[in-house]
Amino acid sequence: MVIMTVTVLVPDEDGMIALSEVAGVRPVRYQWGEPLPPQAREAEVLIPKFHPAETTDEFFEGLPRLKLIQLLSAGAEDWIGDLPDGVLLSTCRGAHGGSTAEWVVGVLLLMYRELREFTALQENRQWARRTTDTLQGKRVLIVGAGDLGRQLRGRLEPFDTRVTMVGISAREGVHAVEELPQLLGEHDVVALMVPLTSKTRGMVDAAFLAEMPDGAILVNAARGPVVNTGALLAELERGRLRAALDVTDPEPLPSDHPLWTAQGVVLTPHVAGAARGVQRRSYAVAAAEIERWVNGELPDNLVHGEY
């Protein structure tokens, strides 16, 4: 079989190295903010390291043969609706699931085992023993049955948790999203691992939160606008629910926002997937997706509509 040669625009040296190992690919380096190299007119694939709002029609006019944009992120919501006509979009699903799942386990252990409180005691040189809660035996509802959700399930079950999965539609081992109202009240933790779409935006509203039992923890490792911030604040201020948030709405969170001081909240600045080696893992997925394209196949992570 004859493999065609595809020109791929890459934004950094890590990309040059990763793509140079794929047969049939000619990686070409570009520098964002500078004129595109002459080879860009032959490029069929672009790996961006910029926000789509920063682009112009003139930029894409310099890429007349562009057919595929391959992201280095799992989220694609920023690009939906901003693609040139006829250009496909593929995400980096699979590169960030492990580290994001690790973050979820970490914050749950932090909260249940009261590690922040013990750290404060250490700083004051106080030896004050007490019994804490535990992650063992907790009932965890994972909303999102894709790579992120599956990775989280694999890391939670060794802690003797009881995990329930929810996806867009029902299938073996996965409940349909329409079943959420009946499931929420039966779980100690609700972990959000969904993309941001018109269907998930504002999904966690006052009615959703009201179904969660007293003392439950909401974990958002998805996107900030999946949760109605005002509705969550109302529950936090009552002390009825707790939350672990890696993402917020708005984001970045303004310094005077009430989420900073709300009781029962663990906040991190959108870093769940930001673990060492993330660039290497991202390019491994991107290279595999582009290799499929070179061989005449569609990428596995192709975004369809709102994905």
Protein backbone atom coordinates (compact mmCIF):
# COMPACT_ATOMS: atom_id res chain seq x y z
CA MET A 1 0.00 0.00 0.00
CA VAL A 2 1.28 3.46 -0.90
CA ILE A 3 1.10 5.91 1.99
CA MET A 4 0.61 9.52 0.97
CA THR A 5 2.69 12.27 2.50
CA VAL A 6 0.70 14.73 4.57
CA THR A 7 2.05 18.09 5.71
CA VAL A 8 1.20 18.81 9.35
CA LEU A 9 1.72 22.22 10.96
CA VAL A 10 3.02 21.83 14.52
CA PRO A 11 3.56 24.60 17.09
CA ASP A 12 6.66 23.41 18.96
CA GLU A 13 9.68 21.11 18.94
CA ASP A 14 7.88 18.40 20.93
CA GLY A 15 5.40 18.22 18.08
CA MET A 16 8.17 18.07 15.49
CA ILE A 17 9.73 15.11 17.29
CA ALA A 18 6.45 13.25 17.83
CA LEU A 19 5.18 13.68 14.26
CA SER A 20 8.54 12.90 12.63
CA GLU A 21 8.06 9.32 13.81
CA VAL A 22 4.80 8.88 11.88
CA ALA A 23 5.23 7.40 8.41
CA GLY A 24 3.81 9.58 5.67
CA VAL A 25 3.90 12.79 7.73
CA ARG A 26 5.96 15.87 6.99
CA PRO A 27 5.87 18.02 10.14
CA VAL A 28 6.42 21.73 9.58
CA ARG A 29 7.02 24.10 12.47
CA TYR A 30 5.07 27.34 12.70
CA GLN A 31 5.30 30.13 15.25
CA TRP A 32 2.03 31.63 16.42
CA GLY A 33 1.97 35.37 15.86
CA GLU A 34 4.42 35.20 12.97
CA PRO A 35 3.72 34.69 9.23
CA LEU A 36 3.00 31.09 8.27
CA PRO A 37 5.87 29.24 6.57
CA PRO A 38 5.58 28.69 2.79
CA GLN A 39 4.85 24.96 3.33
CA ALA A 40 1.61 25.94 5.08
CA ARG A 41 -0.13 26.14 1.71
CA GLU A 42 0.32 22.36 1.43
CA ALA A 43 -0.74 21.57 4.99
CA GLU A 44 -3.76 19.31 5.48
CA VAL A 45 -3.50 19.13 9.28
CA LEU A 46 -3.04 21.89 11.86
CA ILE A 47 -2.21 21.40 15.54
CA PRO A 48 -3.15 24.68 17.23
CA LYS A 49 -1.76 26.12 20.42
CA PHE A 50 -3.99 29.16 20.38
CA HIS A 51 -7.61 30.06 21.03
CA PRO A 52 -9.83 30.13 17.93
CA ALA A 53 -10.95 33.65 18.82
CA GLU A 54 -7.39 34.79 18.11
CA THR A 55 -7.54 33.66 14.48
CA THR A 56 -8.62 35.66 11.44
CA ASP A 57 -9.96 34.80 8.01
CA GLU A 58 -6.55 35.77 6.67
CA PHE A 59 -4.90 33.09 8.81
CA PHE A 60 -7.03 30.31 7.35
CA GLU A 61 -6.69 31.75 3.83
CA GLY A 62 -3.01 30.83 4.19
CA LEU A 63 -4.08 27.19 4.67
CA PRO A 64 -6.03 26.44 1.45
CA ARG A 65 -5.64 22.63 1.76
CA LEU A 66 -6.51 22.38 5.47
CA LYS A 67 -8.79 19.42 6.16
CA LEU A 68 -8.23 18.54 9.83
CA ILE A 69 -7.54 20.43 13.06
CA GLN A 70 -6.04 18.15 15.69
CA LEU A 71 -6.34 19.54 19.22
CA LEU A 72 -3.99 18.83 22.12
CA SER A 73 -6.89 19.16 24.57
CA ALA A 74 -9.84 16.90 25.33
CA GLY A 75 -12.28 19.81 25.31
CA ALA A 76 -13.45 21.15 21.97
CA GLU A 77 -16.16 23.61 22.98
CA ASP A 78 -14.04 26.64 22.07
CA TRP A 79 -13.75 25.42 18.49
CA ILE A 80 -17.34 24.37 17.85
CA GLY A 81 -18.83 26.89 15.44
CA ASP A 82 -15.45 28.47 14.64
CA LEU A 83 -14.16 25.93 12.12
CA PRO A 84 -13.65 26.84 8.46
CA ASP A 85 -16.12 25.14 6.15
CA GLY A 86 -15.21 21.53 5.39
CA VAL A 87 -12.54 21.26 8.10
CA LEU A 88 -12.82 18.36 10.57
CA LEU A 89 -11.92 18.55 14.26
CA SER A 90 -10.35 15.86 16.44
CA THR A 91 -9.69 16.07 20.18
CA CYS A 92 -6.97 14.63 22.37
CA ARG A 93 -9.32 12.40 24.32
CA GLY A 94 -7.32 9.80 26.21
CA ALA A 95 -4.33 11.98 27.07
CA HIS A 96 -5.72 13.66 30.18
CA GLY A 97 -8.08 11.08 31.69
CA GLY A 98 -5.57 9.48 34.04
CA SER A 99 -4.29 12.68 35.62
CA THR A 100 -7.81 14.15 35.88
CA ALA A 101 -9.07 10.99 37.58
CA GLU A 102 -6.08 11.15 39.94
CA TRP A 103 -7.08 14.71 40.90
CA VAL A 104 -10.61 13.58 41.74
CA VAL A 105 -9.33 10.81 44.00
CA GLY A 106 -6.89 13.26 45.59
CA VAL A 107 -9.51 15.87 46.49
CA LEU A 108 -11.91 13.24 47.82
CA LEU A 109 -9.20 11.84 50.09
CA LEU A 110 -8.32 15.39 51.14
CA MET A 111 -11.91 16.07 52.16
CA TYR A 112 -12.90 12.77 53.70
CA ARG A 113 -9.65 12.28 55.63
CA GLU A 114 -9.54 15.98 56.64
CA LEU A 115 -5.97 16.42 55.43
CA ARG A 116 -6.23 20.22 55.28
CA GLU A 117 -7.26 20.29 58.92
CA PHE A 118 -4.39 18.04 59.95
CA THR A 119 -1.98 20.22 57.98
CA ALA A 120 -3.19 23.25 59.93
CA LEU A 121 -2.59 21.34 63.17
CA GLN A 122 0.93 20.46 62.01
CA GLU A 123 1.67 24.12 61.28
CA ASN A 124 0.62 24.94 64.85
CA ARG A 125 2.60 21.95 66.24
CA GLN A 126 -0.54 20.43 67.68
CA TRP A 127 -0.87 16.66 68.15
CA ALA A 128 -4.64 16.22 68.12
CA ARG A 129 -5.87 12.79 67.10
CA ARG A 130 -9.40 12.25 65.87
CA THR A 131 -11.38 9.88 63.71
CA THR A 132 -12.25 11.04 60.18
CA ASP A 133 -14.60 9.89 57.47
CA THR A 134 -13.33 7.59 54.71
CA LEU A 135 -13.63 7.13 50.97
CA GLN A 136 -14.18 3.41 51.51
CA GLY A 137 -17.74 2.34 50.91
CA LYS A 138 -18.83 5.64 49.41
CA ARG A 139 -21.36 5.61 46.60
CA VAL A 140 -19.99 7.61 43.65
CA LEU A 141 -22.07 8.71 40.67
CA ILE A 142 -19.88 9.52 37.65
CA VAL A 143 -21.70 11.70 35.11
CA GLY A 144 -19.89 11.11 31.84
CA ALA A 145 -19.06 7.64 30.60
CA GLY A 146 -16.26 8.53 28.17
CA ASP A 147 -12.52 8.22 28.70
CA LEU A 148 -12.49 10.53 31.75
CA GLY A 149 -15.32 8.68 33.43
CA ARG A 150 -13.85 5.24 32.74
CA GLN A 151 -10.45 6.33 34.02
CA LEU A 152 -12.03 7.63 37.21
CA ARG A 153 -13.97 4.45 37.78
CA GLY A 154 -10.78 2.39 37.47
CA ARG A 155 -9.09 4.49 40.15
CA LEU A 156 -12.02 4.65 42.55
CA GLU A 157 -13.00 0.99 42.71
CA PRO A 158 -9.76 -0.13 44.44
CA PHE A 159 -10.87 2.13 47.33
CA ASP A 160 -13.94 -0.14 47.77
CA THR A 161 -16.27 2.53 46.45
CA ARG A 162 -19.53 1.67 44.72
CA VAL A 163 -19.51 3.38 41.35
CA THR A 164 -22.48 4.15 39.09
CA MET A 165 -21.91 5.47 35.56
CA VAL A 166 -24.21 7.80 33.63
CA GLY A 167 -23.90 8.49 29.90
CA ILE A 168 -25.94 10.09 27.15
CA SER A 169 -27.75 6.82 26.52
CA ALA A 170 -28.18 3.59 28.46
CA ARG A 171 -25.99 0.59 27.71
CA GLU A 172 -24.46 -2.25 29.66
CA GLY A 173 -23.06 -0.84 32.88
CA VAL A 174 -24.16 2.73 32.05
CA HIS A 175 -27.39 4.53 32.97
CA ALA A 176 -29.00 7.11 30.69
CA VAL A 177 -28.83 10.78 31.62
CA GLU A 178 -32.63 10.81 31.94
CA GLU A 179 -32.22 8.59 35.02
CA LEU A 180 -30.22 11.21 36.94
CA PRO A 181 -33.14 12.47 39.10
CA GLN A 182 -33.64 8.97 40.49
CA LEU A 183 -29.91 8.30 40.98
CA LEU A 184 -28.70 11.52 42.60
CA GLY A 185 -30.26 10.87 46.00
CA GLU A 186 -28.56 7.48 46.28
CA HIS A 187 -24.95 8.71 46.06
CA ASP A 188 -22.46 10.37 48.39
CA VAL A 189 -20.39 11.87 45.55
CA VAL A 190 -21.40 13.20 42.13
CA ALA A 191 -18.40 13.58 39.81
CA LEU A 192 -18.89 15.59 36.61
CA MET A 193 -16.73 14.36 33.70
CA VAL A 194 -18.69 15.64 30.70
CA PRO A 195 -17.83 17.98 27.80
CA LEU A 196 -19.48 21.38 27.63
CA THR A 197 -22.33 21.37 25.12
CA SER A 198 -25.74 22.99 24.89
CA LYS A 199 -27.12 19.91 26.69
CA THR A 200 -24.65 20.00 29.58
CA ARG A 201 -24.43 23.79 30.04
CA GLY A 202 -26.26 24.56 33.29
CA MET A 203 -27.15 20.89 33.76
CA VAL A 204 -26.31 21.09 37.46
CA ASP A 205 -28.99 23.55 38.53
CA ALA A 206 -30.97 24.07 41.73
CA ALA A 207 -33.22 21.08 41.01
CA PHE A 208 -30.21 18.82 40.33
CA LEU A 209 -28.49 19.88 43.56
CA ALA A 210 -31.68 19.53 45.58
CA GLU A 211 -31.80 15.83 44.70
CA MET A 212 -28.35 15.23 46.22
CA PRO A 213 -28.41 13.99 49.83
CA ASP A 214 -27.26 16.10 52.78
CA GLY A 215 -23.47 16.08 53.14
CA ALA A 216 -22.84 14.92 49.56
CA ILE A 217 -19.88 16.22 47.57
CA LEU A 218 -20.15 17.66 44.06
CA VAL A 219 -16.92 17.29 42.07
CA ASN A 220 -16.53 19.32 38.89
CA ALA A 221 -13.64 18.19 36.70
CA ALA A 222 -15.59 19.04 33.53
CA ARG A 223 -16.16 22.70 32.66
CA GLY A 224 -17.35 25.54 34.88
CA PRO A 225 -20.61 26.37 33.02
CA VAL A 226 -21.86 22.80 33.53
CA VAL A 227 -22.75 24.01 37.05
CA ASN A 228 -25.03 26.93 37.90
CA THR A 229 -22.72 28.80 40.28
CA GLY A 230 -25.51 30.67 42.06
CA ALA A 231 -27.42 27.48 42.78
CA LEU A 232 -24.28 25.79 44.10
CA LEU A 233 -23.42 28.76 46.32
CA ALA A 234 -26.89 28.62 47.85
CA GLU A 235 -26.36 24.99 48.89
CA LEU A 236 -22.83 25.66 50.15
CA GLU A 237 -23.94 28.63 52.24
CA ARG A 238 -26.57 26.43 53.88
CA GLY A 239 -23.84 23.92 54.66
CA ARG A 240 -25.92 21.16 53.08
CA LEU A 241 -23.49 20.18 50.32
CA ARG A 242 -19.73 20.32 49.77
CA ALA A 243 -17.82 20.76 46.51
CA ALA A 244 -14.45 20.13 44.89
CA LEU A 245 -14.02 22.40 41.88
CA ASP A 246 -11.18 22.40 39.37
CA VAL A 247 -13.24 24.60 37.05
CA THR A 248 -15.59 27.47 37.79
CA ASP A 249 -17.99 29.87 36.14
CA PRO A 250 -16.63 32.50 35.75
CA GLU A 251 -13.07 31.39 35.07
CA PRO A 252 -10.55 32.60 36.10
CA LEU A 253 -12.37 33.17 39.37
CA PRO A 254 -12.25 36.87 40.41
CA SER A 255 -10.50 37.48 43.73
CA ASP A 256 -13.69 38.86 45.30
CA HIS A 257 -15.92 35.96 44.23
CA PRO A 258 -17.85 34.28 47.09
CA LEU A 259 -16.71 30.81 46.01
CA TRP A 260 -13.27 31.58 47.47
CA THR A 261 -14.65 31.78 50.99
CA ALA A 262 -17.63 29.41 50.76
CA GLN A 263 -17.56 26.69 53.39
CA GLY A 264 -16.91 23.11 52.37
CA VAL A 265 -15.15 23.92 49.09
CA VAL A 266 -11.82 22.77 47.65
CA LEU A 267 -10.75 24.96 44.71
CA THR A 268 -7.94 24.41 42.21
CA PRO A 269 -7.23 26.61 39.12
CA HIS A 270 -8.12 24.22 36.26
CA VAL A 271 -5.10 21.99 36.83
CA ALA A 272 -6.63 18.50 37.11
CA GLY A 273 -5.04 17.40 33.84
CA ALA A 274 -1.90 19.49 34.24
CA ALA A 275 0.53 16.83 35.44
CA ARG A 276 4.12 16.34 34.31
CA GLY A 277 4.29 14.52 31.00
CA VAL A 278 0.99 15.92 29.74
CA GLN A 279 2.62 17.27 26.56
CA ARG A 280 4.15 13.89 25.77
CA ARG A 281 0.83 12.12 26.39
CA SER A 282 -1.04 14.66 24.28
CA TYR A 283 1.29 14.30 21.33
CA ALA A 284 1.13 10.51 21.55
CA VAL A 285 -2.65 10.70 21.07
CA ALA A 286 -2.35 13.39 18.38
CA ALA A 287 0.22 11.34 16.46
CA ALA A 288 -2.04 8.28 16.53
CA GLU A 289 -4.99 10.33 15.28
CA ILE A 290 -2.95 11.84 12.44
CA GLU A 291 -1.55 8.43 11.52
CA ARG A 292 -5.13 7.21 11.01
CA TRP A 293 -5.78 10.22 8.80
CA VAL A 294 -2.66 9.53 6.71
CA ASN A 295 -3.85 5.96 6.22
CA GLY A 296 -7.19 7.11 4.88
CA GLU A 297 -9.17 6.58 8.10
CA LEU A 298 -11.15 9.04 10.17
CA PRO A 299 -9.65 9.94 13.57
CA ASP A 300 -11.15 8.08 16.53
CA ASN A 301 -11.66 11.36 18.41
CA LEU A 302 -13.46 13.13 15.60
CA VAL A 303 -15.93 15.72 16.92
CA HIS A 304 -19.43 15.34 15.54
CA GLY A 305 -21.65 18.39 15.91
CA GLU A 306 -21.47 19.35 19.59
CA TYR A 307 -19.79 16.04 20.48
